[in-house]
Amino acid sequence: MAAQEQTVVFGGRAYSIVYNSNALFRLEKETGYSIQQIGFLLLNGRGGYALMQQILWAGLEGARIRNITRPNPFTVEEVGDLLDTEGGPAMIWENDKHPVAISIMDAWISAFPKKERKDLPKDTDPNAPAAANPTGTT
């Protein structure tokens, strides 16, 4: 399943965002963090406003490249100006019901679909230690 495009509205104008391969590449390049490191920071509430602005920037860039919506790339500073039209970063990021935050999180989550492991029976604990002698031989 491919990353899903979402729409965010800033100042009454709709913008598309998507966290596809191009967006994730740009995000890693811009931040210097791997996607796994970014995920860890977000899960532990340690992302900060700069990282959140960079994440939104990457999503806007992913959609811009995919849809060829404009010739010039978005800048991280331009994204900050867009955030300010909706009350600024504190208003958006600290309110999980804000429509911009919801759209960004929905788009971000769609880039990482959960895969069910097919190599283990459903009742198997993947963290359980292996049996010392599974075949019964010595």
C-alpha atoms as a PDB file:
ATOM      1  CA  MET A   1       0.000   0.000   0.000  1.00  0.00           C
ATOM      2  CA  ALA A   2       1.473   3.341  -1.041  1.00  0.00           C
ATOM      3  CA  ALA A   3       1.594   6.405   1.158  1.00  0.00           C
ATOM      4  CA  GLN A   4      -1.719   8.227   1.040  1.00  0.00           C
ATOM      5  CA  GLU A   5      -1.968  11.851   0.035  1.00  0.00           C
ATOM      6  CA  GLN A   6      -3.730  14.143   2.494  1.00  0.00           C
ATOM      7  CA  THR A   7      -4.845  17.746   2.297  1.00  0.00           C
ATOM      8  CA  VAL A   8      -3.964  20.435   4.807  1.00  0.00           C
ATOM      9  CA  VAL A   9      -5.468  23.918   4.787  1.00  0.00           C
ATOM     10  CA  PHE A  10      -3.472  27.021   5.618  1.00  0.00           C
ATOM     11  CA  GLY A  11      -5.055  30.449   5.383  1.00  0.00           C
ATOM     12  CA  GLY A  12      -8.026  29.016   3.495  1.00  0.00           C
ATOM     13  CA  ARG A  13      -5.816  27.431   0.812  1.00  0.00           C
ATOM     14  CA  ALA A  14      -5.499  23.644   0.416  1.00  0.00           C
ATOM     15  CA  TYR A  15      -2.092  21.966   0.100  1.00  0.00           C
ATOM     16  CA  SER A  16      -1.382  18.308  -0.582  1.00  0.00           C
ATOM     17  CA  ILE A  17       1.082  16.337   1.528  1.00  0.00           C
ATOM     18  CA  VAL A  18       2.379  12.813   1.104  1.00  0.00           C
ATOM     19  CA  TYR A  19       5.167  10.853   2.783  1.00  0.00           C
ATOM     20  CA  ASN A  20       6.347   8.842  -0.193  1.00  0.00           C
ATOM     21  CA  SER A  21       9.937   7.818  -0.980  1.00  0.00           C
ATOM     22  CA  ASN A  22      10.904  11.302  -2.165  1.00  0.00           C
ATOM     23  CA  ALA A  23       9.509  12.915   0.977  1.00  0.00           C
ATOM     24  CA  LEU A  24      11.232  10.471   3.318  1.00  0.00           C
ATOM     25  CA  PHE A  25      14.516  10.867   1.433  1.00  0.00           C
ATOM     26  CA  ARG A  26      14.326  14.650   1.709  1.00  0.00           C
ATOM     27  CA  LEU A  27      13.403  14.439   5.386  1.00  0.00           C
ATOM     28  CA  GLU A  28      16.415  12.263   6.197  1.00  0.00           C
ATOM     29  CA  LYS A  29      18.670  14.556   4.172  1.00  0.00           C
ATOM     30  CA  GLU A  30      17.284  17.740   5.794  1.00  0.00           C
ATOM     31  CA  THR A  31      17.386  16.500   9.397  1.00  0.00           C
ATOM     32  CA  GLY A  32      20.403  14.201   9.355  1.00  0.00           C
ATOM     33  CA  TYR A  33      18.269  11.575  11.124  1.00  0.00           C
ATOM     34  CA  SER A  34      17.101   8.233   9.796  1.00  0.00           C
ATOM     35  CA  ILE A  35      13.354   7.666   9.596  1.00  0.00           C
ATOM     36  CA  GLN A  36      13.737   5.191  12.474  1.00  0.00           C
ATOM     37  CA  GLN A  37      15.399   7.888  14.614  1.00  0.00           C
ATOM     38  CA  ILE A  38      12.662  10.367  13.714  1.00  0.00           C
ATOM     39  CA  GLY A  39      10.006   7.820  14.652  1.00  0.00           C
ATOM     40  CA  PHE A  40      11.744   7.233  18.003  1.00  0.00           C
ATOM     41  CA  LEU A  41      11.854  10.963  18.725  1.00  0.00           C
ATOM     42  CA  LEU A  42       8.168  11.368  17.854  1.00  0.00           C
ATOM     43  CA  LEU A  43       7.052   8.362  19.911  1.00  0.00           C
ATOM     44  CA  ASN A  44       8.926   9.687  22.923  1.00  0.00           C
ATOM     45  CA  GLY A  45       7.636  13.249  22.623  1.00  0.00           C
ATOM     46  CA  ARG A  46      11.102  14.597  21.853  1.00  0.00           C
ATOM     47  CA  GLY A  47      10.618  15.845  18.298  1.00  0.00           C
ATOM     48  CA  GLY A  48      10.376  19.565  18.923  1.00  0.00           C
ATOM     49  CA  TYR A  49       8.925  22.247  16.706  1.00  0.00           C
ATOM     50  CA  ALA A  50      11.855  22.273  14.279  1.00  0.00           C
ATOM     51  CA  LEU A  51      11.445  18.571  13.521  1.00  0.00           C
ATOM     52  CA  MET A  52       7.680  18.919  13.132  1.00  0.00           C
ATOM     53  CA  GLN A  53       8.186  21.804  10.695  1.00  0.00           C
ATOM     54  CA  GLN A  54      10.690  19.710   8.738  1.00  0.00           C
ATOM     55  CA  ILE A  55       8.249  16.787   8.645  1.00  0.00           C
ATOM     56  CA  LEU A  56       5.514  19.002   7.215  1.00  0.00           C
ATOM     57  CA  TRP A  57       8.005  20.465   4.725  1.00  0.00           C
ATOM     58  CA  ALA A  58       8.951  16.974   3.526  1.00  0.00           C
ATOM     59  CA  GLY A  59       5.282  16.051   3.043  1.00  0.00           C
ATOM     60  CA  LEU A  60       4.621  19.193   1.030  1.00  0.00           C
ATOM     61  CA  GLU A  61       7.687  18.479  -1.086  1.00  0.00           C
ATOM     62  CA  GLY A  62       6.648  14.845  -1.618  1.00  0.00           C
ATOM     63  CA  ALA A  63       3.290  15.976  -3.004  1.00  0.00           C
ATOM     64  CA  ARG A  64       4.840  18.828  -5.017  1.00  0.00           C
ATOM     65  CA  ILE A  65       7.223  16.459  -6.768  1.00  0.00           C
ATOM     66  CA  ARG A  66       4.560  13.800  -7.359  1.00  0.00           C
ATOM     67  CA  ASN A  67       1.901  16.190  -8.643  1.00  0.00           C
ATOM     68  CA  ILE A  68       4.161  18.870 -10.151  1.00  0.00           C
ATOM     69  CA  THR A  69       2.057  21.541  -8.456  1.00  0.00           C
ATOM     70  CA  ARG A  70       4.672  24.272  -8.591  1.00  0.00           C
ATOM     71  CA  PRO A  71       8.136  24.687 -10.105  1.00  0.00           C
ATOM     72  CA  ASN A  72       9.954  25.920  -6.996  1.00  0.00           C
ATOM     73  CA  PRO A  73      10.499  23.791  -3.912  1.00  0.00           C
ATOM     74  CA  PHE A  74       8.941  24.771  -0.609  1.00  0.00           C
ATOM     75  CA  THR A  75      11.392  26.106   1.950  1.00  0.00           C
ATOM     76  CA  VAL A  76      11.351  25.159   5.599  1.00  0.00           C
ATOM     77  CA  GLU A  77      10.867  28.848   6.408  1.00  0.00           C
ATOM     78  CA  GLU A  78       7.866  29.052   4.082  1.00  0.00           C
ATOM     79  CA  VAL A  79       6.346  26.142   5.983  1.00  0.00           C
ATOM     80  CA  GLY A  80       6.825  28.104   9.202  1.00  0.00           C
ATOM     81  CA  ASP A  81       4.859  30.966   7.673  1.00  0.00           C
ATOM     82  CA  LEU A  82       2.071  28.529   6.727  1.00  0.00           C
ATOM     83  CA  LEU A  83       1.968  27.206  10.296  1.00  0.00           C
ATOM     84  CA  ASP A  84       1.678  30.759  11.600  1.00  0.00           C
ATOM     85  CA  THR A  85      -1.497  31.293   9.514  1.00  0.00           C
ATOM     86  CA  GLU A  86      -3.157  28.595  11.639  1.00  0.00           C
ATOM     87  CA  GLY A  87      -2.023  29.904  15.018  1.00  0.00           C
ATOM     88  CA  GLY A  88       1.588  28.772  15.054  1.00  0.00           C
ATOM     89  CA  PRO A  89       3.313  25.548  16.028  1.00  0.00           C
ATOM     90  CA  ALA A  90       2.062  25.406  19.609  1.00  0.00           C
ATOM     91  CA  MET A  91      -1.558  25.719  18.480  1.00  0.00           C
ATOM     92  CA  ILE A  92      -1.157  22.947  15.893  1.00  0.00           C
ATOM     93  CA  TRP A  93       1.271  20.436  17.413  1.00  0.00           C
ATOM     94  CA  GLU A  94      -0.002  20.562  20.987  1.00  0.00           C
ATOM     95  CA  ASN A  95      -3.623  20.075  19.955  1.00  0.00           C
ATOM     96  CA  ASP A  96      -4.064  16.549  18.601  1.00  0.00           C
ATOM     97  CA  LYS A  97      -7.534  17.531  17.360  1.00  0.00           C
ATOM     98  CA  HIS A  98      -6.280  20.392  15.171  1.00  0.00           C
ATOM     99  CA  PRO A  99      -7.170  19.561  11.519  1.00  0.00           C
ATOM    100  CA  VAL A 100      -3.609  20.259  10.331  1.00  0.00           C
ATOM    101  CA  ALA A 101      -2.125  17.933  12.955  1.00  0.00           C
ATOM    102  CA  ILE A 102      -4.661  15.212  12.116  1.00  0.00           C
ATOM    103  CA  SER A 103      -3.933  15.410   8.369  1.00  0.00           C
ATOM    104  CA  ILE A 104      -0.186  15.298   8.897  1.00  0.00           C
ATOM    105  CA  MET A 105      -0.402  12.334  11.269  1.00  0.00           C
ATOM    106  CA  ASP A 106      -2.752  10.442   8.924  1.00  0.00           C
ATOM    107  CA  ALA A 107      -0.375  11.005   6.007  1.00  0.00           C
ATOM    108  CA  TRP A 108       2.674  10.060   8.109  1.00  0.00           C
ATOM    109  CA  ILE A 109       1.094   6.845   9.418  1.00  0.00           C
ATOM    110  CA  SER A 110       0.056   5.806   5.895  1.00  0.00           C
ATOM    111  CA  ALA A 111       3.725   5.764   4.876  1.00  0.00           C
ATOM    112  CA  PHE A 112       4.396   2.922   7.321  1.00  0.00           C
ATOM    113  CA  PRO A 113       1.694   0.272   6.940  1.00  0.00           C
ATOM    114  CA  LYS A 114       1.826  -2.500   9.505  1.00  0.00           C
ATOM    115  CA  LYS A 115       2.786  -5.841   8.091  1.00  0.00           C
ATOM    116  CA  GLU A 116       1.661  -9.051   9.646  1.00  0.00           C
ATOM    117  CA  ARG A 117       4.501 -11.494  10.104  1.00  0.00           C
ATOM    118  CA  LYS A 118       3.812 -14.583   8.032  1.00  0.00           C
ATOM    119  CA  ASP A 119       6.657 -16.686   9.402  1.00  0.00           C
ATOM    120  CA  LEU A 120       5.145 -17.272  12.860  1.00  0.00           C
ATOM    121  CA  PRO A 121       1.858 -18.808  13.925  1.00  0.00           C
ATOM    122  CA  LYS A 122      -0.414 -16.167  15.455  1.00  0.00           C
ATOM    123  CA  ASP A 123      -0.106 -17.693  18.963  1.00  0.00           C
ATOM    124  CA  THR A 124       3.719 -17.704  18.891  1.00  0.00           C
ATOM    125  CA  ASP A 125       5.584 -15.175  21.014  1.00  0.00           C
ATOM    126  CA  PRO A 126       8.397 -13.808  18.795  1.00  0.00           C
ATOM    127  CA  ASN A 127      10.284 -12.724  21.931  1.00  0.00           C
ATOM    128  CA  ALA A 128      10.247 -16.119  23.628  1.00  0.00           C
ATOM    129  CA  PRO A 129      13.644 -17.849  23.857  1.00  0.00           C
ATOM    130  CA  ALA A 130      14.222 -20.714  21.464  1.00  0.00           C
ATOM    131  CA  ALA A 131      13.869 -24.197  22.871  1.00  0.00           C
ATOM    132  CA  ALA A 132      17.193 -25.580  24.089  1.00  0.00           C
ATOM    133  CA  ASN A 133      16.798 -28.798  22.120  1.00  0.00           C
ATOM    134  CA  PRO A 134      13.895 -28.468  19.683  1.00  0.00           C
ATOM    135  CA  THR A 135      14.541 -31.716  17.781  1.00  0.00           C
ATOM    136  CA  GLY A 136      14.923 -33.932  20.833  1.00  0.00           C
ATOM    137  CA  THR A 137      18.468 -34.991  19.972  1.00  0.00           C
ATOM    138  CA  THR A 138      21.648 -34.438  21.965  1.00  0.00           C
END
